Amino acid sequence: MGTILLRLTHRATLFELITLTRDAPQLRFDFPGAILPSPAVFLWEERELHVIAVSVIGFLYRFVLPLQRGAQLWHPSKYWFRQYDIQNMRSDMEGLGHIVLF
């Protein structure tokens, strides 16, 4: 699949995915609140790229990007995401968010 760069910019409210080794457009997602450091990125059966991020305002975001074989790794309009409200999250949340997948 190659190398993928995930970075947070604009005070961690802008989330970017960039492939360094394949042809694909850069993907950008703008959030209403800052994303905690270290979002999770993993490959699911070489068919989907999953990204999980937690915001300081109490939401968990899950993005799924279908991967394509051939010239372009992903298509910028073919993805889906879900937003989950985290109950009882402290308002002063800082630091790393740890994602456990099972």
Protein backbone atom coordinates (compact mmCIF):
# COMPACT_ATOMS: atom_id res chain seq x y z
CA MET A 1 0.00 0.00 0.00
CA GLY A 2 2.87 2.40 0.63
CA THR A 3 3.55 5.14 3.14
CA ILE A 4 0.80 7.42 4.44
CA LEU A 5 1.35 10.65 6.36
CA LEU A 6 -1.29 11.78 8.83
CA ARG A 7 -0.85 15.24 10.26
CA LEU A 8 -2.80 17.69 12.37
CA THR A 9 -2.49 21.39 11.50
CA HIS A 10 -4.20 24.68 12.36
CA ARG A 11 -4.07 24.06 16.12
CA ALA A 12 -5.07 20.42 15.56
CA THR A 13 -8.44 21.28 13.99
CA LEU A 14 -7.39 20.32 10.44
CA PHE A 15 -6.64 16.66 9.80
CA GLU A 16 -4.70 15.71 6.63
CA LEU A 17 -3.98 12.35 5.02
CA ILE A 18 -1.30 12.25 2.34
CA THR A 19 0.15 9.25 0.56
CA LEU A 20 3.90 9.59 0.01
CA THR A 21 4.35 6.63 -2.32
CA ARG A 22 1.17 6.35 -4.41
CA ASP A 23 -0.97 8.61 -6.55
CA ALA A 24 -3.94 10.00 -4.63
CA PRO A 25 -5.23 13.44 -3.75
CA GLN A 26 -4.60 14.81 -0.29
CA LEU A 27 -7.60 14.44 2.02
CA ARG A 28 -8.47 17.18 4.53
CA PHE A 29 -11.05 17.17 7.29
CA ASP A 30 -11.88 20.27 9.33
CA PHE A 31 -13.15 19.75 12.90
CA PRO A 32 -15.02 22.10 15.26
CA GLY A 33 -12.53 21.34 18.06
CA ALA A 34 -8.91 20.25 18.33
CA ILE A 35 -8.04 16.58 17.84
CA LEU A 36 -6.01 14.88 20.57
CA PRO A 37 -2.48 13.82 19.52
CA SER A 38 -1.88 10.37 18.02
CA PRO A 39 -5.02 9.43 16.09
CA ALA A 40 -5.16 5.73 15.21
CA VAL A 41 -4.63 4.64 11.59
CA PHE A 42 -4.90 1.03 10.49
CA LEU A 43 -5.40 -1.07 7.40
CA TRP A 44 -8.37 -3.44 7.30
CA GLU A 45 -7.80 -6.49 5.06
CA GLU A 46 -5.89 -4.35 2.53
CA ARG A 47 -9.24 -2.95 1.36
CA GLU A 48 -9.94 -0.09 3.74
CA LEU A 49 -7.96 2.51 5.64
CA HIS A 50 -9.53 3.28 9.03
CA VAL A 51 -8.75 6.44 11.00
CA ILE A 52 -10.01 7.02 14.55
CA ALA A 53 -9.58 10.39 16.25
CA VAL A 54 -10.80 11.93 19.51
CA SER A 55 -11.52 15.65 19.90
CA VAL A 56 -11.07 17.80 23.00
CA ILE A 57 -14.77 18.71 22.85
CA GLY A 58 -15.84 15.12 23.48
CA PHE A 59 -16.33 13.37 20.15
CA LEU A 60 -14.80 10.25 18.63
CA TYR A 61 -14.58 10.25 14.82
CA ARG A 62 -14.19 7.15 12.70
CA PHE A 63 -13.28 7.50 9.01
CA VAL A 64 -13.25 4.62 6.53
CA LEU A 65 -11.57 5.08 3.16
CA PRO A 66 -12.02 2.29 0.60
CA LEU A 67 -8.66 1.62 -1.07
CA GLN A 68 -8.31 0.98 -4.78
CA ARG A 69 -5.82 -1.05 -6.70
CA GLY A 70 -4.34 0.63 -9.70
CA ALA A 71 -3.40 4.21 -10.38
CA GLN A 72 -5.10 6.00 -7.50
CA LEU A 73 -5.00 4.70 -3.90
CA TRP A 74 -8.25 6.37 -2.79
CA HIS A 75 -10.94 8.57 -4.24
CA PRO A 76 -11.60 11.83 -2.33
CA SER A 77 -15.40 11.54 -2.47
CA LYS A 78 -15.67 7.85 -1.58
CA TYR A 79 -15.33 7.66 2.17
CA TRP A 80 -17.66 7.57 5.12
CA PHE A 81 -17.40 8.69 8.70
CA ARG A 82 -19.26 8.45 11.96
CA GLN A 83 -19.24 10.82 14.91
CA TYR A 84 -19.80 9.46 18.40
CA ASP A 85 -20.49 11.55 21.50
CA ILE A 86 -18.23 10.55 24.41
CA GLN A 87 -20.25 10.55 27.61
CA ASN A 88 -18.70 11.93 30.82
CA MET A 89 -15.57 13.33 29.18
CA ARG A 90 -13.65 15.81 31.31
CA SER A 91 -13.59 19.36 29.94
CA ASP A 92 -9.84 19.75 30.56
CA MET A 93 -8.88 16.74 28.44
CA GLU A 94 -5.32 16.94 27.07
CA GLY A 95 -2.62 14.52 26.03
CA LEU A 96 -2.61 11.32 24.06
CA GLY A 97 -5.73 9.45 23.10
CA HIS A 98 -5.26 5.67 23.10
CA ILE A 99 -7.42 3.58 20.82
CA VAL A 100 -7.83 -0.13 21.55
CA LEU A 101 -9.05 -2.29 18.68
CA PHE A 102 -10.40 -5.77 19.29
